[in-house]
Every structure is written in C-alpha cells, then in structure tokens.
Amino acid sequence: MAGGSGVGACSSVEGEGEAAVACEALRLLRIEPSAVGPGVGRAGGAAQCSRNALRKRRRWERVLAARRRKRRQERERSRARRAEGPGTASRDRGRAVAALAKERLLEARVLGPRLCVDLGLAHRMSQKETSRLASQIRRLYGANRRAKKPFWLCLTEFVVGSLIHEECFRMNDGFCNYLMETTQESYLNLFPLDAIVYLTPDSENVLEDIDPSKVYVLGGLVDESIHKSLMSYQLTMRPEAGQQP
C-alpha cells in the first residue's frame, strides 16, 4: 500500500511538471494558458495546443506583413505625389485640351469649313495699323482654336519679308507653330470661284449658316473708315470673287 501511494505521488509530480512546461510554452507564444482549455495537463492536449498556437502566430505574422506592405506602398505613393507637385493634374488637363483642339483643327482641314484672311491690301497700312492687324490675327487664331467646330485658317498673300509678315512673327510668340496655312498666293488662285464667300460689313446680306463646302474670306485690313473705300474698290475690281453675304 505504501509503495502504491509512492507511485501515485510520483505520477502526480510528473503531471504537474508537464503542465508547467506547457504553460511556459504558451507564455512564450503570448497565449494565455486558460485559452486552450482544461486539457493542458495532458501530453496530447499540450501538443495540440502548441500546434494551434503556432498556426495563430503564423496567421498573425502574415497579417502584420500585409499591413507593413500596405503602409510602405502608401508612403511611396505619397512621395511620388509630392515629387510631381500640385500642378501635375492641371498640366495633364492642359495636354488633353490641346490634343482635342489639334484633332478638331485637322478635321476642319480635311472636311472644312475654311476661313481665309486676305492680306492683299496689307501693304497700304501704316506700321501701327499693321501691328494691330497682327494682334487681331493672333486673337482670331486663339478663338478659333478653342471653338468646338473651328475653321481651317489660311493667310493668303502673306508675302515673306513684308511688314505684316515681320509683325506677325515679332508680336506673336510661337507663330511658326500655329496650326494653319500660309501662302503668298491669292485666294482667287487657290479655290473655285463659286465656293468663295467674301465677308464684309458693307454687305446687305446676313450670314446665318456655315457651309463646310464654302471658303469664307476676311479682308485683312484694320477696320478704320479711311480704308473702307479700298475694300469696296477691291471687291469692285474682282466681281468674279464670289458672293458677298
């Protein structure tokens, strides 16, 4: 009987030692021993609890790694935005608008309508008047470029070395890059007579619709009363020039 009691005491001590080892392992894994149930005192239960704890730890490590990657990516995106600066979006919109304007102008070049500025009387203007005309050509180009349905512009009798030629390049930055046509020829030599419509404020006809098959012509002359007789003279000398709206 005494021997049997000793064996039972030894078994009890061994069981308590195993439980202590299991609890220490769980403590190292940062898991409370109470969370794994009453079977911790058993060898099989302790092994099962250890495997569960390892799985939980690995899953938590994966979660932490994913969070670290996400924070790193956010920092990289933030640095990229700061490097680009606040004007990047505006520049992108500007490039998109410019590309759309170019596309519309090139379409008008193929399909019409066309608008010519007749510079055949430019030599009759003074330096001041020529400068004003060069400025008006710049504003005409800018307004036409922004239009949803622009004309294809053409400067006719734009003679190289003339005063209007020099003023256009002097006063208008990037004039050589304007998306339009320039020629030293007269519009009368470029287009069929029945397609020409000469626009003048002296006409009694009102232009209400734009016909893409027509070529509309503006007199390249500063609008001052002293020159109205010159425009009338030009139209009188060229009765075959087409219609006056």
C-alpha atoms as a PDB file:
ATOM      1  CA  MET A   1       0.000   0.000   0.000  1.00  0.00           C
ATOM      2  CA  ALA A   2       2.806   2.332   0.889  1.00  0.00           C
ATOM      3  CA  GLY A   3       4.532   1.552  -2.423  1.00  0.00           C
ATOM      4  CA  GLY A   4       1.331   2.222  -4.320  1.00  0.00           C
ATOM      5  CA  SER A   5       0.950   5.569  -2.696  1.00  0.00           C
ATOM      6  CA  GLY A   6       4.504   6.475  -3.684  1.00  0.00           C
ATOM      7  CA  VAL A   7       3.888   5.620  -7.323  1.00  0.00           C
ATOM      8  CA  GLY A   8       0.740   7.760  -7.366  1.00  0.00           C
ATOM      9  CA  ALA A   9       2.622  10.651  -5.848  1.00  0.00           C
ATOM     10  CA  CYS A  10       5.330  10.344  -8.480  1.00  0.00           C
ATOM     11  CA  SER A  11       2.762  10.338 -11.275  1.00  0.00           C
ATOM     12  CA  SER A  12       1.164  13.421  -9.810  1.00  0.00           C
ATOM     13  CA  VAL A  13       4.507  15.216  -9.729  1.00  0.00           C
ATOM     14  CA  GLU A  14       5.268  14.265 -13.341  1.00  0.00           C
ATOM     15  CA  GLY A  15       1.822  15.508 -14.436  1.00  0.00           C
ATOM     16  CA  GLU A  16       2.369  18.825 -12.733  1.00  0.00           C
ATOM     17  CA  GLY A  17       5.788  19.144 -14.433  1.00  0.00           C
ATOM     18  CA  GLU A  18       4.292  18.592 -17.878  1.00  0.00           C
ATOM     19  CA  ALA A  19       1.608  21.169 -17.187  1.00  0.00           C
ATOM     20  CA  ALA A  20       4.251  23.681 -16.129  1.00  0.00           C
ATOM     21  CA  VAL A  21       6.227  23.078 -19.359  1.00  0.00           C
ATOM     22  CA  ALA A  22       3.077  23.534 -21.468  1.00  0.00           C
ATOM     23  CA  CYS A  23       2.167  26.752 -19.666  1.00  0.00           C
ATOM     24  CA  GLU A  24       5.672  28.111 -20.169  1.00  0.00           C
ATOM     25  CA  ALA A  25       5.471  27.343 -23.923  1.00  0.00           C
ATOM     26  CA  LEU A  26       2.140  29.109 -24.180  1.00  0.00           C
ATOM     27  CA  ARG A  27       3.537  32.087 -22.309  1.00  0.00           C
ATOM     28  CA  LEU A  28       6.402  32.354 -24.771  1.00  0.00           C
ATOM     29  CA  LEU A  29       3.857  32.291 -27.609  1.00  0.00           C
ATOM     30  CA  ARG A  30       1.895  35.079 -25.864  1.00  0.00           C
ATOM     31  CA  ILE A  31      -1.200  32.901 -25.400  1.00  0.00           C
ATOM     32  CA  GLU A  32      -2.906  32.633 -22.049  1.00  0.00           C
ATOM     33  CA  PRO A  33      -2.956  29.057 -20.715  1.00  0.00           C
ATOM     34  CA  SER A  34      -6.649  29.453 -19.797  1.00  0.00           C
ATOM     35  CA  ALA A  35      -7.459  29.950 -23.530  1.00  0.00           C
ATOM     36  CA  VAL A  36      -6.522  26.414 -24.505  1.00  0.00           C
ATOM     37  CA  GLY A  37      -8.969  24.537 -22.193  1.00  0.00           C
ATOM     38  CA  PRO A  38      -8.627  22.111 -19.336  1.00  0.00           C
ATOM     39  CA  GLY A  39      -6.713  19.503 -21.322  1.00  0.00           C
ATOM     40  CA  VAL A  40      -3.420  21.321 -20.946  1.00  0.00           C
ATOM     41  CA  GLY A  41      -2.283  18.887 -18.320  1.00  0.00           C
ATOM     42  CA  ARG A  42      -2.293  16.023 -20.791  1.00  0.00           C
ATOM     43  CA  ALA A  43       0.621  15.365 -23.112  1.00  0.00           C
ATOM     44  CA  GLY A  44      -1.560  15.015 -26.214  1.00  0.00           C
ATOM     45  CA  GLY A  45      -3.591  18.090 -25.338  1.00  0.00           C
ATOM     46  CA  ALA A  46      -0.425  20.145 -24.821  1.00  0.00           C
ATOM     47  CA  ALA A  47       0.907  19.154 -28.252  1.00  0.00           C
ATOM     48  CA  GLN A  48      -2.419  20.032 -29.885  1.00  0.00           C
ATOM     49  CA  CYS A  49      -2.462  23.393 -28.115  1.00  0.00           C
ATOM     50  CA  SER A  50       1.091  24.078 -29.305  1.00  0.00           C
ATOM     51  CA  ARG A  51       0.133  23.412 -32.921  1.00  0.00           C
ATOM     52  CA  ASN A  52      -2.899  25.734 -32.668  1.00  0.00           C
ATOM     53  CA  ALA A  53      -0.750  28.419 -31.113  1.00  0.00           C
ATOM     54  CA  LEU A  54       1.784  28.139 -33.933  1.00  0.00           C
ATOM     55  CA  ARG A  55      -0.941  28.419 -36.548  1.00  0.00           C
ATOM     56  CA  LYS A  56      -2.337  31.515 -34.850  1.00  0.00           C
ATOM     57  CA  ARG A  57       1.095  33.059 -34.609  1.00  0.00           C
ATOM     58  CA  ARG A  58       1.856  32.432 -38.281  1.00  0.00           C
ATOM     59  CA  ARG A  59      -1.510  33.869 -39.318  1.00  0.00           C
ATOM     60  CA  TRP A  60      -0.880  36.968 -37.233  1.00  0.00           C
ATOM     61  CA  GLU A  61       2.588  37.366 -38.738  1.00  0.00           C
ATOM     62  CA  ARG A  62       1.052  37.256 -42.232  1.00  0.00           C
ATOM     63  CA  VAL A  63      -1.450  39.964 -41.219  1.00  0.00           C
ATOM     64  CA  LEU A  64       1.350  42.162 -39.871  1.00  0.00           C
ATOM     65  CA  ALA A  65       3.423  41.669 -43.037  1.00  0.00           C
ATOM     66  CA  ALA A  66       0.459  42.638 -45.228  1.00  0.00           C
ATOM     67  CA  ARG A  67      -0.088  45.786 -43.153  1.00  0.00           C
ATOM     68  CA  ARG A  68       3.577  46.726 -43.441  1.00  0.00           C
ATOM     69  CA  ARG A  69       3.462  46.297 -47.239  1.00  0.00           C
ATOM     70  CA  LYS A  70       0.358  48.473 -47.465  1.00  0.00           C
ATOM     71  CA  ARG A  71       1.912  51.242 -45.376  1.00  0.00           C
ATOM     72  CA  ARG A  72       5.093  51.104 -47.485  1.00  0.00           C
ATOM     73  CA  GLN A  73       3.092  51.419 -50.703  1.00  0.00           C
ATOM     74  CA  GLU A  74       1.148  54.372 -49.302  1.00  0.00           C
ATOM     75  CA  ARG A  75       4.386  56.130 -48.368  1.00  0.00           C
ATOM     76  CA  GLU A  76       5.782  55.545 -51.859  1.00  0.00           C
ATOM     77  CA  ARG A  77       2.647  56.956 -53.480  1.00  0.00           C
ATOM     78  CA  SER A  78       2.752  59.966 -51.179  1.00  0.00           C
ATOM     79  CA  ARG A  79       6.407  60.654 -52.070  1.00  0.00           C
ATOM     80  CA  ALA A  80       5.577  60.327 -55.777  1.00  0.00           C
ATOM     81  CA  ARG A  81       2.726  62.840 -55.467  1.00  0.00           C
ATOM     82  CA  ARG A  82       4.954  65.323 -53.638  1.00  0.00           C
ATOM     83  CA  ALA A  83       7.673  64.902 -56.270  1.00  0.00           C
ATOM     84  CA  GLU A  84       5.202  65.563 -59.102  1.00  0.00           C
ATOM     85  CA  GLY A  85       3.906  68.725 -57.466  1.00  0.00           C
ATOM     86  CA  PRO A  86       0.393  70.188 -57.308  1.00  0.00           C
ATOM     87  CA  GLY A  87       0.350  71.293 -60.941  1.00  0.00           C
ATOM     88  CA  THR A  88       0.580  67.821 -62.457  1.00  0.00           C
ATOM     89  CA  ALA A  89      -3.184  67.351 -62.773  1.00  0.00           C
ATOM     90  CA  SER A  90      -3.537  70.786 -64.360  1.00  0.00           C
ATOM     91  CA  ARG A  91      -0.796  70.003 -66.870  1.00  0.00           C
ATOM     92  CA  ASP A  92      -2.474  66.731 -67.765  1.00  0.00           C
ATOM     93  CA  ARG A  93      -5.785  68.517 -68.371  1.00  0.00           C
ATOM     94  CA  GLY A  94      -3.994  71.141 -70.460  1.00  0.00           C
ATOM     95  CA  ARG A  95      -2.388  68.497 -72.639  1.00  0.00           C
ATOM     96  CA  ALA A  96      -5.746  66.776 -73.132  1.00  0.00           C
ATOM     97  CA  VAL A  97      -7.401  70.052 -74.187  1.00  0.00           C
ATOM     98  CA  ALA A  98      -4.543  70.850 -76.592  1.00  0.00           C
ATOM     99  CA  ALA A  99      -4.765  67.393 -78.150  1.00  0.00           C
ATOM    100  CA  LEU A 100      -8.517  67.758 -78.657  1.00  0.00           C
ATOM    101  CA  ALA A 101      -8.089  71.215 -80.241  1.00  0.00           C
ATOM    102  CA  LYS A 102      -5.450  69.858 -82.616  1.00  0.00           C
ATOM    103  CA  GLU A 103      -7.715  66.991 -83.619  1.00  0.00           C
ATOM    104  CA  ARG A 104     -10.588  69.369 -84.395  1.00  0.00           C
ATOM    105  CA  LEU A 105      -8.388  71.682 -86.460  1.00  0.00           C
ATOM    106  CA  LEU A 106      -7.009  68.819 -88.526  1.00  0.00           C
ATOM    107  CA  GLU A 107     -10.546  67.588 -89.111  1.00  0.00           C
ATOM    108  CA  ALA A 108     -11.526  71.061 -90.388  1.00  0.00           C
ATOM    109  CA  ARG A 109      -8.521  70.976 -92.697  1.00  0.00           C
ATOM    110  CA  VAL A 110      -9.950  67.905 -94.403  1.00  0.00           C
ATOM    111  CA  LEU A 111     -13.696  68.482 -94.142  1.00  0.00           C
ATOM    112  CA  GLY A 112     -13.970  72.258 -93.896  1.00  0.00           C
ATOM    113  CA  PRO A 113     -15.081  74.904 -93.438  1.00  0.00           C
ATOM    114  CA  ARG A 114     -12.173  77.167 -94.418  1.00  0.00           C
ATOM    115  CA  LEU A 115     -11.559  80.771 -93.437  1.00  0.00           C
ATOM    116  CA  CYS A 116      -9.023  82.870 -95.334  1.00  0.00           C
ATOM    117  CA  VAL A 117      -7.573  86.200 -94.273  1.00  0.00           C
ATOM    118  CA  ASP A 118      -6.898  88.187 -97.440  1.00  0.00           C
ATOM    119  CA  LEU A 119      -3.730  90.244 -96.906  1.00  0.00           C
ATOM    120  CA  GLY A 120      -3.697  91.691-100.403  1.00  0.00           C
ATOM    121  CA  LEU A 121      -4.094  95.239 -99.036  1.00  0.00           C
ATOM    122  CA  ALA A 122      -1.726  94.917 -96.078  1.00  0.00           C
ATOM    123  CA  HIS A 123       0.913  96.997 -97.822  1.00  0.00           C
ATOM    124  CA  ARG A 124      -1.442 100.030 -97.665  1.00  0.00           C
ATOM    125  CA  MET A 125      -1.431 100.119 -93.871  1.00  0.00           C
ATOM    126  CA  SER A 126       0.884 102.037 -91.564  1.00  0.00           C
ATOM    127  CA  GLN A 127       3.217 100.438 -89.015  1.00  0.00           C
ATOM    128  CA  LYS A 128       0.677 100.952 -86.218  1.00  0.00           C
ATOM    129  CA  GLU A 129      -2.181  99.534 -88.261  1.00  0.00           C
ATOM    130  CA  THR A 130      -0.094  96.533 -89.319  1.00  0.00           C
ATOM    131  CA  SER A 131       0.758  95.800 -85.685  1.00  0.00           C
ATOM    132  CA  ARG A 132      -2.927  95.932 -84.796  1.00  0.00           C
ATOM    133  CA  LEU A 133      -3.705  93.516 -87.621  1.00  0.00           C
ATOM    134  CA  ALA A 134      -1.013  91.095 -86.406  1.00  0.00           C
ATOM    135  CA  SER A 135      -2.598  91.212 -82.948  1.00  0.00           C
ATOM    136  CA  GLN A 136      -6.041  90.567 -84.422  1.00  0.00           C
ATOM    137  CA  ILE A 137      -4.706  87.545 -86.301  1.00  0.00           C
ATOM    138  CA  ARG A 138      -3.405  86.151 -83.008  1.00  0.00           C
ATOM    139  CA  ARG A 139      -6.780  86.619 -81.309  1.00  0.00           C
ATOM    140  CA  LEU A 140      -8.564  85.116 -84.298  1.00  0.00           C
ATOM    141  CA  TYR A 141      -6.364  82.031 -84.158  1.00  0.00           C
ATOM    142  CA  GLY A 142      -6.856  81.626 -80.397  1.00  0.00           C
ATOM    143  CA  ALA A 143     -10.637  81.961 -80.540  1.00  0.00           C
ATOM    144  CA  ASN A 144     -10.870  79.585 -83.496  1.00  0.00           C
ATOM    145  CA  ARG A 145      -8.649  77.035 -81.782  1.00  0.00           C
ATOM    146  CA  ARG A 146     -10.929  76.974 -78.728  1.00  0.00           C
ATOM    147  CA  ALA A 147     -14.095  76.578 -80.794  1.00  0.00           C
ATOM    148  CA  LYS A 148     -15.930  73.244 -80.785  1.00  0.00           C
ATOM    149  CA  LYS A 149     -16.304  73.467 -84.572  1.00  0.00           C
ATOM    150  CA  PRO A 150     -13.332  75.503 -85.795  1.00  0.00           C
ATOM    151  CA  PHE A 151     -12.422  76.723 -89.278  1.00  0.00           C
ATOM    152  CA  TRP A 152      -9.238  75.775 -91.041  1.00  0.00           C
ATOM    153  CA  LEU A 153      -7.403  79.113 -91.243  1.00  0.00           C
ATOM    154  CA  CYS A 154      -5.339  80.342 -94.166  1.00  0.00           C
ATOM    155  CA  LEU A 155      -3.412  83.602 -94.583  1.00  0.00           C
ATOM    156  CA  THR A 156      -3.291  84.458 -98.281  1.00  0.00           C
ATOM    157  CA  GLU A 157      -0.849  86.889 -99.946  1.00  0.00           C
ATOM    158  CA  PHE A 158       1.258  86.512 -96.800  1.00  0.00           C
ATOM    159  CA  VAL A 159       4.418  87.712 -98.504  1.00  0.00           C
ATOM    160  CA  VAL A 160       7.729  86.780 -96.896  1.00  0.00           C
ATOM    161  CA  GLY A 161       9.646  89.905 -95.886  1.00  0.00           C
ATOM    162  CA  SER A 162       6.564  92.141 -95.888  1.00  0.00           C
ATOM    163  CA  LEU A 163       5.691  94.290 -92.897  1.00  0.00           C
ATOM    164  CA  ILE A 164       2.733  92.122 -91.874  1.00  0.00           C
ATOM    165  CA  HIS A 165       4.943  89.024 -92.136  1.00  0.00           C
ATOM    166  CA  GLU A 166       7.540  90.564 -89.824  1.00  0.00           C
ATOM    167  CA  GLU A 167       4.955  91.856 -87.348  1.00  0.00           C
ATOM    168  CA  CYS A 168       3.221  88.504 -87.040  1.00  0.00           C
ATOM    169  CA  PHE A 169       6.466  86.804 -86.077  1.00  0.00           C
ATOM    170  CA  ARG A 170       7.594  89.666 -83.839  1.00  0.00           C
ATOM    171  CA  MET A 171       4.381  90.094 -81.857  1.00  0.00           C
ATOM    172  CA  ASN A 172       3.033  86.556 -81.684  1.00  0.00           C
ATOM    173  CA  ASP A 173       5.087  84.031 -79.697  1.00  0.00           C
ATOM    174  CA  GLY A 174       5.119  80.638 -81.364  1.00  0.00           C
ATOM    175  CA  PHE A 175       3.598  81.980 -84.574  1.00  0.00           C
ATOM    176  CA  CYS A 176       5.626  79.486 -86.618  1.00  0.00           C
ATOM    177  CA  ASN A 177       3.843  76.676 -84.737  1.00  0.00           C
ATOM    178  CA  TYR A 178       0.318  77.921 -85.444  1.00  0.00           C
ATOM    179  CA  LEU A 179      -1.756  75.101 -86.903  1.00  0.00           C
ATOM    180  CA  MET A 180      -2.877  76.938 -90.043  1.00  0.00           C
ATOM    181  CA  GLU A 181      -1.840  77.540 -93.629  1.00  0.00           C
ATOM    182  CA  THR A 182       0.104  80.491 -95.018  1.00  0.00           C
ATOM    183  CA  THR A 183       0.720  81.228 -98.678  1.00  0.00           C
ATOM    184  CA  GLN A 184       1.903  84.069-100.892  1.00  0.00           C
ATOM    185  CA  GLU A 185      -0.808  83.189-103.419  1.00  0.00           C
ATOM    186  CA  SER A 186      -4.153  84.979-103.719  1.00  0.00           C
ATOM    187  CA  TYR A 187      -7.270  83.157-102.587  1.00  0.00           C
ATOM    188  CA  LEU A 188      -8.558  83.597-106.158  1.00  0.00           C
ATOM    189  CA  ASN A 189      -5.829  81.269-107.387  1.00  0.00           C
ATOM    190  CA  LEU A 190      -6.431  78.656-104.705  1.00  0.00           C
ATOM    191  CA  PHE A 191     -10.171  77.980-104.648  1.00  0.00           C
ATOM    192  CA  PRO A 192     -13.044  77.700-107.152  1.00  0.00           C
ATOM    193  CA  LEU A 193     -14.856  80.988-107.629  1.00  0.00           C
ATOM    194  CA  ASP A 194     -18.274  79.517-106.876  1.00  0.00           C
ATOM    195  CA  ALA A 195     -17.005  78.333-103.455  1.00  0.00           C
ATOM    196  CA  ILE A 196     -15.757  81.757-102.292  1.00  0.00           C
ATOM    197  CA  VAL A 197     -17.801  83.904 -99.909  1.00  0.00           C
ATOM    198  CA  TYR A 198     -16.203  87.287 -99.161  1.00  0.00           C
ATOM    199  CA  LEU A 199     -17.249  88.619 -95.749  1.00  0.00           C
ATOM    200  CA  THR A 200     -17.622  92.375 -95.458  1.00  0.00           C
ATOM    201  CA  PRO A 201     -19.597  94.674 -93.120  1.00  0.00           C
ATOM    202  CA  ASP A 202     -20.739  96.661 -96.168  1.00  0.00           C
ATOM    203  CA  SER A 203     -22.878  93.788 -97.466  1.00  0.00           C
ATOM    204  CA  GLU A 204     -26.666  93.836 -97.024  1.00  0.00           C
ATOM    205  CA  ASN A 205     -26.769  90.046 -96.779  1.00  0.00           C
ATOM    206  CA  VAL A 206     -26.588  88.344 -93.383  1.00  0.00           C
ATOM    207  CA  LEU A 207     -24.573  85.156 -92.907  1.00  0.00           C
ATOM    208  CA  GLU A 208     -26.800  82.759 -90.967  1.00  0.00           C
ATOM    209  CA  ASP A 209     -25.346  79.314 -91.692  1.00  0.00           C
ATOM    210  CA  ILE A 210     -21.858  77.943 -92.289  1.00  0.00           C
ATOM    211  CA  ASP A 211     -21.459  75.702 -95.319  1.00  0.00           C
ATOM    212  CA  PRO A 212     -18.416  73.390 -94.990  1.00  0.00           C
ATOM    213  CA  SER A 213     -18.051  73.323 -98.767  1.00  0.00           C
ATOM    214  CA  LYS A 214     -17.533  77.104 -98.944  1.00  0.00           C
ATOM    215  CA  VAL A 215     -14.388  79.159 -98.419  1.00  0.00           C
ATOM    216  CA  TYR A 216     -15.040  82.285 -96.348  1.00  0.00           C
ATOM    217  CA  VAL A 217     -12.707  85.227 -96.842  1.00  0.00           C
ATOM    218  CA  LEU A 218     -11.997  88.087 -94.430  1.00  0.00           C
ATOM    219  CA  GLY A 219     -10.317  91.258 -95.588  1.00  0.00           C
ATOM    220  CA  GLY A 220      -7.004  91.625 -93.733  1.00  0.00           C
ATOM    221  CA  LEU A 221      -7.402  95.336 -93.142  1.00  0.00           C
ATOM    222  CA  VAL A 222      -7.731  97.302 -89.914  1.00  0.00           C
ATOM    223  CA  ASP A 223     -11.346  98.462 -89.658  1.00  0.00           C
ATOM    224  CA  GLU A 224     -10.971 102.230 -89.986  1.00  0.00           C
ATOM    225  CA  SER A 225     -13.211 104.430 -92.107  1.00  0.00           C
ATOM    226  CA  ILE A 226     -10.293 105.736 -94.107  1.00  0.00           C
ATOM    227  CA  HIS A 227      -9.837 102.275 -95.651  1.00  0.00           C
ATOM    228  CA  LYS A 228     -13.432 101.349 -96.409  1.00  0.00           C
ATOM    229  CA  SER A 229     -13.113 102.758 -99.894  1.00  0.00           C
ATOM    230  CA  LEU A 230     -10.132 100.481-100.504  1.00  0.00           C
ATOM    231  CA  MET A 231     -12.137  97.382 -99.643  1.00  0.00           C
ATOM    232  CA  SER A 232     -15.017  98.478-101.844  1.00  0.00           C
ATOM    233  CA  TYR A 233     -12.530  99.128-104.645  1.00  0.00           C
ATOM    234  CA  GLN A 234     -11.055  95.660-104.240  1.00  0.00           C
ATOM    235  CA  LEU A 235     -14.460  93.981-104.428  1.00  0.00           C
ATOM    236  CA  THR A 236     -15.414  96.110-107.439  1.00  0.00           C
ATOM    237  CA  MET A 237     -12.220  95.176-109.290  1.00  0.00           C
ATOM    238  CA  ARG A 238     -12.845  91.497-108.517  1.00  0.00           C
ATOM    239  CA  PRO A 239     -16.514  90.919-109.321  1.00  0.00           C
ATOM    240  CA  GLU A 240     -15.761  87.284-110.001  1.00  0.00           C
ATOM    241  CA  ALA A 241     -14.591  86.791-106.432  1.00  0.00           C
ATOM    242  CA  GLY A 242     -17.816  85.113-105.449  1.00  0.00           C
ATOM    243  CA  GLN A 243     -20.622  86.061-103.091  1.00  0.00           C
ATOM    244  CA  GLN A 244     -20.948  88.818-100.525  1.00  0.00           C
ATOM    245  CA  PRO A 245     -23.080  87.716 -97.599  1.00  0.00           C
END
